[in-house]
Structures are given as C-alpha cells and as structure tokens.
N, C-alpha and C. Protein backbone atom coordinates (compact mmCIF):
# COMPACT_ATOMS: atom_id res chain seq x y z
N UNK A 1 0.79 -1.15 0.15
CA UNK A 1 0.06 0.12 -0.07
C UNK A 1 0.97 1.23 -0.16
N UNK A 2 0.47 2.11 -0.60
CA UNK A 2 1.12 3.36 -0.54
C UNK A 2 0.05 4.61 0.06
N UNK A 3 0.54 5.67 0.42
CA UNK A 3 -0.15 6.69 1.02
C UNK A 3 0.05 8.09 0.29
N UNK A 4 -1.11 8.65 -0.21
CA UNK A 4 -1.17 10.00 -0.75
C UNK A 4 -1.95 10.80 0.17
N UNK A 5 -1.11 12.10 0.59
CA UNK A 5 -1.86 12.76 1.61
C UNK A 5 -1.74 14.21 0.83
N UNK A 6 -2.89 14.88 0.90
CA UNK A 6 -2.91 16.28 0.19
C UNK A 6 -3.23 17.36 1.04
N UNK A 7 -2.78 18.55 1.00
CA UNK A 7 -3.19 19.76 1.43
C UNK A 7 -3.91 20.70 0.37
N UNK A 8 -4.84 21.35 0.72
CA UNK A 8 -5.56 22.28 -0.09
C UNK A 8 -4.67 23.63 0.38
N UNK A 9 -4.26 24.23 -0.81
CA UNK A 9 -3.42 25.53 -0.56
C UNK A 9 -3.90 26.60 -1.30
N UNK A 10 -3.25 27.71 -1.07
CA UNK A 10 -3.26 29.13 -1.56
C UNK A 10 -2.20 29.09 -2.62
N UNK A 11 -1.08 28.66 -2.35
CA UNK A 11 0.22 28.86 -3.04
C UNK A 11 0.82 27.53 -3.28
N UNK A 12 0.62 26.60 -4.16
CA UNK A 12 1.10 25.29 -4.31
C UNK A 12 2.58 25.24 -4.34
N UNK A 13 2.97 25.98 -5.06
CA UNK A 13 4.55 26.08 -5.37
C UNK A 13 4.99 26.48 -4.03
N UNK A 14 4.66 27.44 -3.47
CA UNK A 14 5.57 28.01 -2.13
C UNK A 14 5.25 26.92 -1.05
N UNK A 15 4.13 26.10 -0.87
CA UNK A 15 3.96 25.16 0.12
C UNK A 15 4.93 23.88 -0.22
N UNK A 16 5.02 23.57 -1.42
CA UNK A 16 5.79 22.37 -1.91
C UNK A 16 7.40 22.86 -1.59
N UNK A 17 7.72 24.12 -1.94
CA UNK A 17 9.27 24.36 -1.73
C UNK A 17 9.54 24.46 -0.12
N UNK A 18 8.39 24.87 0.73
CA UNK A 18 8.71 24.71 2.29
C UNK A 18 8.93 23.41 2.54
N UNK A 19 8.00 22.58 2.20
CA UNK A 19 8.18 21.11 2.75
C UNK A 19 9.43 20.28 2.02
N UNK A 20 9.64 20.72 0.80
CA UNK A 20 10.88 20.02 0.03
C UNK A 20 12.22 20.54 1.00
N UNK A 21 12.22 21.75 1.40
CA UNK A 21 13.40 21.98 2.33
C UNK A 21 13.41 21.42 3.58
N UNK A 22 12.16 21.30 4.01
CA UNK A 22 12.05 20.78 5.59
C UNK A 22 12.34 19.43 5.73
N UNK A 23 11.73 18.62 4.62
CA UNK A 23 11.83 17.08 4.69
C UNK A 23 12.89 16.46 3.60
N UNK A 24 13.46 17.27 2.77
CA UNK A 24 14.34 16.92 1.63
C UNK A 24 13.96 15.85 0.93
N UNK A 25 12.61 15.97 0.67
CA UNK A 25 11.99 15.15 -0.42
C UNK A 25 12.03 15.59 -1.73
N UNK A 26 12.13 14.77 -2.73
CA UNK A 26 12.14 15.28 -4.12
C UNK A 26 10.69 15.51 -4.81
N UNK A 27 10.51 16.25 -5.74
CA UNK A 27 9.14 16.56 -6.30
C UNK A 27 8.84 15.22 -7.12
N UNK A 28 7.59 14.86 -7.13
CA UNK A 28 7.13 13.86 -8.04
C UNK A 28 6.57 14.42 -9.19
N UNK A 29 7.42 14.59 -10.04
CA UNK A 29 7.58 15.48 -11.28
C UNK A 29 6.23 14.77 -12.18
N UNK A 30 6.08 13.42 -12.14
CA UNK A 30 5.08 12.87 -12.88
C UNK A 30 3.69 13.20 -12.57
N UNK A 31 3.37 13.70 -11.16
CA UNK A 31 2.07 14.03 -10.84
C UNK A 31 1.81 15.48 -11.01
N UNK A 32 2.64 16.17 -11.50
CA UNK A 32 2.56 17.67 -11.63
C UNK A 32 1.49 18.00 -12.70
N UNK A 33 0.64 19.07 -12.14
CA UNK A 33 -0.38 19.66 -13.11
C UNK A 33 -0.57 20.93 -12.94
N UNK A 34 -1.34 21.66 -13.64
CA UNK A 34 -1.61 23.02 -13.37
C UNK A 34 -2.18 23.50 -11.94
N UNK A 35 -2.86 22.53 -11.28
CA UNK A 35 -3.34 22.70 -9.98
C UNK A 35 -2.63 21.77 -8.89
N UNK A 36 -1.63 21.06 -9.20
CA UNK A 36 -1.31 20.20 -8.26
C UNK A 36 0.24 19.93 -8.33
N UNK A 37 0.96 19.86 -7.30
CA UNK A 37 2.37 19.55 -6.95
C UNK A 37 2.49 18.56 -5.91
N UNK A 38 3.56 17.70 -5.80
CA UNK A 38 3.78 16.75 -4.79
C UNK A 38 5.10 16.34 -4.59
N UNK A 39 5.33 16.08 -3.44
CA UNK A 39 6.64 15.49 -3.01
C UNK A 39 6.38 13.89 -2.83
N UNK A 40 7.58 13.30 -3.00
CA UNK A 40 7.57 11.61 -3.01
C UNK A 40 8.68 11.10 -2.25
N UNK A 41 8.30 10.16 -1.24
CA UNK A 41 9.42 9.51 -0.63
C UNK A 41 8.87 8.31 -0.12
N UNK A 42 9.67 7.08 -0.27
CA UNK A 42 9.25 5.66 0.24
C UNK A 42 7.90 5.43 0.18
N UNK A 43 7.21 5.41 -0.98
CA UNK A 43 5.83 5.22 -0.91
C UNK A 43 4.60 6.02 -0.38
N UNK A 44 5.15 7.35 -0.05
CA UNK A 44 4.22 8.40 0.35
C UNK A 44 4.37 9.46 -0.70
N UNK A 45 3.21 10.19 -1.12
CA UNK A 45 3.17 11.19 -1.97
C UNK A 45 2.52 12.10 -1.05
N UNK A 46 3.07 13.46 -0.96
CA UNK A 46 2.78 14.55 -0.23
C UNK A 46 2.27 15.64 -1.10
N UNK A 47 0.96 15.85 -1.41
CA UNK A 47 0.58 16.78 -2.36
C UNK A 47 -0.11 18.03 -2.01
N UNK A 48 0.09 19.08 -3.15
CA UNK A 48 -0.33 20.28 -2.66
C UNK A 48 -1.33 20.56 -3.80
N UNK A 49 -2.70 20.74 -3.53
CA UNK A 49 -3.93 21.16 -4.33
C UNK A 49 -4.00 22.64 -4.28
N UNK A 50 -4.25 23.38 -5.46
CA UNK A 50 -4.62 24.72 -5.60
C UNK A 50 -6.15 24.82 -5.45
N UNK A 51 -6.42 25.98 -5.18
CA UNK A 51 -8.07 26.42 -4.93
C UNK A 51 -8.89 25.62 -5.82
N UNK A 52 -8.73 25.65 -7.20
CA UNK A 52 -9.48 24.91 -8.01
C UNK A 52 -10.02 23.35 -7.63
N UNK A 53 -9.32 22.66 -6.92
CA UNK A 53 -9.55 21.41 -6.47
C UNK A 53 -10.69 21.31 -5.55
N UNK A 54 -11.07 22.17 -4.95
CA UNK A 54 -12.23 22.37 -4.10
C UNK A 54 -13.40 21.95 -5.10
N UNK A 55 -13.70 22.55 -6.05
CA UNK A 55 -14.74 22.36 -7.13
C UNK A 55 -14.65 20.97 -7.76
N UNK A 56 -13.43 20.62 -8.03
CA UNK A 56 -13.03 19.43 -8.66
C UNK A 56 -13.32 18.12 -7.75
N UNK A 57 -13.33 18.24 -6.54
CA UNK A 57 -13.62 17.44 -5.45
C UNK A 57 -15.17 17.38 -4.88
N UNK A 58 -15.95 18.20 -5.63
CA UNK A 58 -17.28 18.56 -5.07
C UNK A 58 -17.40 19.14 -3.45
N UNK A 59 -16.34 19.92 -3.34
CA UNK A 59 -16.19 20.63 -2.19
C UNK A 59 -16.14 22.08 -2.00
N UNK A 60 -16.72 22.76 -3.04
CA UNK A 60 -16.79 24.02 -3.43
C UNK A 60 -17.25 24.90 -2.38
N UNK A 61 -18.28 24.17 -1.68
CA UNK A 61 -19.14 25.04 -0.42
C UNK A 61 -18.27 24.86 0.87
N UNK A 62 -17.29 24.11 0.75
CA UNK A 62 -16.40 23.99 2.06
C UNK A 62 -14.88 24.83 2.04
N UNK A 63 -14.99 25.56 0.88
CA UNK A 63 -13.53 26.25 0.64
C UNK A 63 -13.63 27.35 1.66
N UNK A 64 -12.34 27.63 2.16
CA UNK A 64 -12.10 28.48 3.51
C UNK A 64 -12.19 30.01 2.91
N UNK A 65 -12.71 31.05 3.50
CA UNK A 65 -12.59 32.27 3.21
C UNK A 65 -10.93 32.57 3.22
N UNK A 66 -10.21 32.99 2.17
CA UNK A 66 -8.84 33.38 2.29
C UNK A 66 -8.42 34.29 3.30
N UNK A 67 -8.99 34.97 3.86
CA UNK A 67 -8.59 36.02 5.03
C UNK A 67 -8.75 35.28 6.36
N UNK A 68 -9.17 33.99 6.50
CA UNK A 68 -9.28 33.19 7.65
C UNK A 68 -8.43 32.09 8.02
N UNK A 69 -8.14 31.81 9.09
CA UNK A 69 -7.29 30.66 9.26
C UNK A 69 -8.19 29.45 9.54
N UNK A 70 -8.25 28.43 8.63
CA UNK A 70 -8.96 27.23 8.83
C UNK A 70 -8.75 26.51 10.18
N UNK A 71 -9.68 25.93 10.51
CA UNK A 71 -9.59 25.18 11.92
C UNK A 71 -8.86 23.83 11.66
N UNK A 72 -8.32 23.48 12.75
CA UNK A 72 -7.38 22.04 12.57
C UNK A 72 -8.30 20.79 12.38
N UNK A 73 -8.46 20.27 11.50
CA UNK A 73 -9.19 19.00 11.54
C UNK A 73 -8.43 17.73 11.29
N UNK A 74 -7.22 17.98 10.80
CA UNK A 74 -6.21 16.71 10.60
C UNK A 74 -4.99 17.28 10.46
N UNK A 75 -3.87 16.38 10.84
CA UNK A 75 -2.32 16.86 10.74
C UNK A 75 -1.56 15.46 10.49
N UNK A 76 -0.67 15.93 9.57
CA UNK A 76 0.38 14.77 9.43
C UNK A 76 1.49 14.70 10.36
N UNK A 77 1.93 13.74 10.50
CA UNK A 77 3.18 13.31 11.55
C UNK A 77 4.39 12.82 10.68
N UNK A 78 5.33 13.63 10.65
CA UNK A 78 6.52 13.10 9.87
C UNK A 78 7.53 12.50 10.60
N UNK A 79 7.65 11.17 10.74
CA UNK A 79 8.60 10.39 11.69
C UNK A 79 10.30 10.77 11.09
N UNK A 80 10.90 11.15 11.89
CA UNK A 80 12.40 11.39 11.50
C UNK A 80 13.19 10.63 12.18
N UNK A 81 14.53 10.51 11.66
CA UNK A 81 15.49 9.40 12.21
C UNK A 81 16.01 9.67 13.56
N UNK A 82 15.98 10.94 14.11
CA UNK A 82 16.62 10.95 15.30
C UNK A 82 16.19 12.38 15.94
N UNK A 83 16.32 12.46 17.39
CA UNK A 83 16.05 13.66 17.98
C UNK A 83 16.70 15.09 17.50
N UNK A 84 17.84 14.78 16.84
CA UNK A 84 18.71 16.07 16.35
C UNK A 84 17.81 16.26 15.11
N UNK A 85 17.42 15.46 14.16
CA UNK A 85 16.69 15.84 13.19
C UNK A 85 15.41 16.44 13.49
N UNK A 86 14.78 16.17 14.50
CA UNK A 86 13.57 16.93 14.75
C UNK A 86 13.98 18.24 15.24
N UNK A 87 14.95 18.58 16.06
CA UNK A 87 15.39 19.90 16.12
C UNK A 87 15.88 20.61 15.09
N UNK A 88 16.49 19.93 14.06
CA UNK A 88 16.91 20.62 12.77
C UNK A 88 15.51 21.18 12.03
N UNK A 89 14.64 20.11 12.17
CA UNK A 89 13.42 20.53 11.26
C UNK A 89 12.69 21.65 11.99
N UNK A 90 12.76 21.77 13.13
CA UNK A 90 11.90 22.95 13.94
C UNK A 90 12.83 24.21 13.48
N UNK A 91 14.21 24.35 13.52
CA UNK A 91 14.85 25.48 13.12
C UNK A 91 14.64 25.77 11.84
N UNK A 92 14.76 24.65 10.76
CA UNK A 92 14.33 25.03 9.35
C UNK A 92 12.99 25.53 9.03
N UNK A 93 11.95 24.86 9.94
CA UNK A 93 10.45 25.35 9.77
C UNK A 93 10.44 26.90 10.14
N UNK A 94 11.02 27.18 11.29
CA UNK A 94 10.95 28.69 11.73
C UNK A 94 11.68 29.44 10.74
N UNK A 95 12.61 29.25 10.24
CA UNK A 95 13.50 30.11 9.30
C UNK A 95 12.91 30.19 7.95
N UNK A 96 12.00 29.26 7.61
CA UNK A 96 11.45 29.33 6.02
C UNK A 96 10.01 29.85 6.25
N UNK A 97 9.47 30.30 7.12
CA UNK A 97 8.06 30.86 7.19
C UNK A 97 7.17 30.14 8.00
N UNK A 98 7.54 29.16 8.50
CA UNK A 98 6.62 28.08 9.59
C UNK A 98 6.60 28.96 10.91
N UNK A 99 5.92 28.40 11.64
CA UNK A 99 5.74 28.54 13.05
C UNK A 99 5.88 27.37 13.83
N UNK A 100 6.55 27.26 15.29
CA UNK A 100 6.70 26.60 16.02
C UNK A 100 5.66 26.77 17.18
N UNK A 101 4.49 25.82 17.09
CA UNK A 101 3.48 25.80 18.08
C UNK A 101 3.60 25.26 19.31
N UNK A 102 4.54 24.14 19.26
CA UNK A 102 4.91 23.54 20.59
C UNK A 102 6.40 23.14 20.21
N UNK A 103 7.24 23.51 20.90
CA UNK A 103 8.92 23.31 20.91
C UNK A 103 8.99 21.85 21.28
N UNK A 104 10.04 21.08 20.68
CA UNK A 104 10.43 19.74 21.12
C UNK A 104 10.42 19.30 22.69
N UNK A 105 9.63 18.29 22.64
CA UNK A 105 9.48 18.03 24.02
C UNK A 105 9.44 16.38 23.86
N UNK A 106 9.49 15.80 25.03
CA UNK A 106 9.14 14.30 25.42
C UNK A 106 7.74 13.93 25.63
N UNK A 107 7.39 12.98 24.89
CA UNK A 107 5.95 12.56 25.19
C UNK A 107 6.10 11.27 26.09
N UNK A 108 4.85 11.11 26.64
CA UNK A 108 4.80 10.03 27.53
C UNK A 108 5.09 8.61 26.90
N UNK A 109 5.00 8.52 25.74
CA UNK A 109 5.16 7.26 24.76
C UNK A 109 6.63 7.22 24.17
N UNK A 110 7.43 7.86 24.83
CA UNK A 110 8.91 7.98 24.30
C UNK A 110 9.32 8.60 23.16
N UNK A 111 8.58 9.58 22.56
CA UNK A 111 9.13 9.97 21.43
C UNK A 111 9.55 11.66 21.47
N UNK A 112 10.31 12.09 20.90
CA UNK A 112 10.80 13.39 20.65
C UNK A 112 9.99 14.16 19.63
N UNK A 113 9.31 15.21 19.84
CA UNK A 113 8.28 15.68 18.90
C UNK A 113 8.10 17.22 19.19
N UNK A 114 7.58 17.89 18.07
CA UNK A 114 7.43 19.18 17.93
C UNK A 114 6.17 19.42 17.16
N UNK A 115 5.53 20.33 17.31
CA UNK A 115 3.98 20.84 16.71
C UNK A 115 4.54 22.07 16.29
N UNK A 116 4.25 21.84 14.65
CA UNK A 116 4.44 23.16 13.77
C UNK A 116 3.51 23.58 12.87
N UNK A 117 3.56 24.62 12.31
CA UNK A 117 2.73 24.90 11.20
C UNK A 117 3.55 25.47 9.90
N UNK A 118 2.83 25.20 8.84
CA UNK A 118 3.49 25.88 7.46
C UNK A 118 3.22 27.05 7.25
N UNK A 119 3.72 27.69 6.22
CA UNK A 119 3.15 29.32 5.94
C UNK A 119 1.81 29.35 5.82
N UNK A 120 1.05 28.45 5.42
CA UNK A 120 -0.41 28.71 5.21
C UNK A 120 -1.23 28.35 6.41
N UNK A 121 -0.52 27.84 7.74
CA UNK A 121 -1.09 27.61 9.04
C UNK A 121 -1.69 26.09 8.95
N UNK A 122 -1.14 25.35 8.08
CA UNK A 122 -1.73 23.85 8.25
C UNK A 122 -0.61 23.28 9.33
N UNK A 123 -1.30 22.49 10.30
CA UNK A 123 -0.44 21.99 11.32
C UNK A 123 -0.06 20.88 11.28
N UNK A 124 1.27 20.70 11.50
CA UNK A 124 1.94 19.20 11.24
C UNK A 124 2.80 19.08 12.51
N UNK A 125 3.17 17.55 12.82
CA UNK A 125 4.19 17.34 13.43
C UNK A 125 5.44 16.40 12.93
N UNK A 126 6.60 17.03 13.70
CA UNK A 126 7.80 15.99 13.47
C UNK A 126 8.05 15.44 14.68
N UNK A 127 8.50 14.02 14.55
CA UNK A 127 8.78 13.29 15.62
C UNK A 127 9.71 12.33 15.35
N UNK A 128 10.45 11.63 16.32
CA UNK A 128 11.31 10.46 16.16
C UNK A 128 10.91 9.62 17.32
N UNK A 129 11.08 8.17 17.14
CA UNK A 129 10.88 7.26 18.06
C UNK A 129 11.63 7.06 19.42
N UNK A 130 12.79 8.12 19.52
CA UNK A 130 13.61 7.99 20.48
C UNK A 130 13.67 9.35 21.05
N UNK A 131 14.05 9.32 22.38
CA UNK A 131 14.39 10.52 23.15
C UNK A 131 15.95 11.00 23.16
N UNK A 132 16.26 12.16 23.10
CA UNK A 132 17.79 12.64 23.60
C UNK A 132 18.31 12.06 24.54
N UNK A 133 19.59 11.83 24.69
CA UNK A 133 20.37 11.39 25.80
C UNK A 133 19.93 12.19 27.15
N UNK A 134 19.63 11.29 28.41
CA UNK A 134 19.31 12.00 29.30
C UNK A 134 17.96 12.25 29.55
N UNK A 135 17.00 12.58 28.54
CA UNK A 135 15.88 13.03 28.69
C UNK A 135 14.70 12.00 28.82
N UNK A 136 13.94 11.89 29.95
CA UNK A 136 12.98 10.92 30.22
C UNK A 136 11.73 11.12 29.51
N UNK A 137 10.82 10.17 29.39
CA UNK A 137 9.50 10.31 28.84
C UNK A 137 8.70 11.09 29.97
N UNK A 138 7.94 11.74 29.25
CA UNK A 138 6.72 12.75 30.31
C UNK A 138 6.05 11.86 30.85
N UNK A 139 5.48 12.30 31.96
CA UNK A 139 4.60 11.43 32.71
C UNK A 139 3.18 10.84 31.97
N UNK A 140 2.63 9.69 32.01
CA UNK A 140 1.39 9.34 31.35
C UNK A 140 0.40 10.28 31.88
N UNK A 141 -0.44 10.80 30.84
CA UNK A 141 -1.59 11.55 31.46
C UNK A 141 -2.63 10.77 32.17
N UNK A 142 -3.33 11.26 33.17
CA UNK A 142 -4.42 10.65 33.78
C UNK A 142 -5.37 10.32 33.32
C-alpha cells in the first residue's frame, strides 16, 4: 500500500518548496499538473492542491475564506530519524516561514516531538521514536 496525503493550498509552489526544504523529499514530477504539485518519498506522496481542487472534488461549499485561518481537522506526523533531526526541522521550519506551535518535547510514549505550522497555517508534527540522551518520557496523562 502507498499513502497519498494532500493539502489544499493557496500557493502550491510555495508550499511544496517549504516542505521540500524541511523534509528533503524530491518532487513527484510525474504528478505535476496546473493545480497540483507533490513530493514523494518511500511510497508516500505528499501533495499540494490549488483552490480549483475544491470544485473538482465536489467541495466548493467548504472552501475557506482566504482571510481566515482554517480550523485544525487533521495533521500529518513526519517520523524523522533522530532527536537531532527533529530539532533541525524545527529550526528550518521557523527560518522558512513556518511557526513553532509547541517546541520539541518528550512525550509519555517515548518520542521526541514538536508541533509546527507551515506558511499557510496547516498544522503538522515532526517526531522520532527516541528521546535525546538523558531525557525521560513525560508522565502518562491521567
């Protein structure tokens, strides 16, 4: 199985460039269209749809007002190789127009994780399955 995950975006080129820098994934050139760009890595395609995709998908009535920040209804988690890679992704996101919503932290399930948003305010996480040396997992929530 492969997974294709798509964001509906105002500027597909800028969004693709942001994530390409952050993740170092190549463009899926074979998927390029006038309203679509995508990155691809290890069976995953991460796509960026332009506004006309709302109508194409039968979602025209759900297109957000360009002046408002849409609610968070889903988010992607990018599993990286190390705590250092998470920290580097946080720095890169902040330097290239994204925002750090929650700085890197230890989860109760033993991951090092951060919550970020891209330049168009889509929320995502970067995480790794290990903690930095000397950092203990957070207490399990009650």
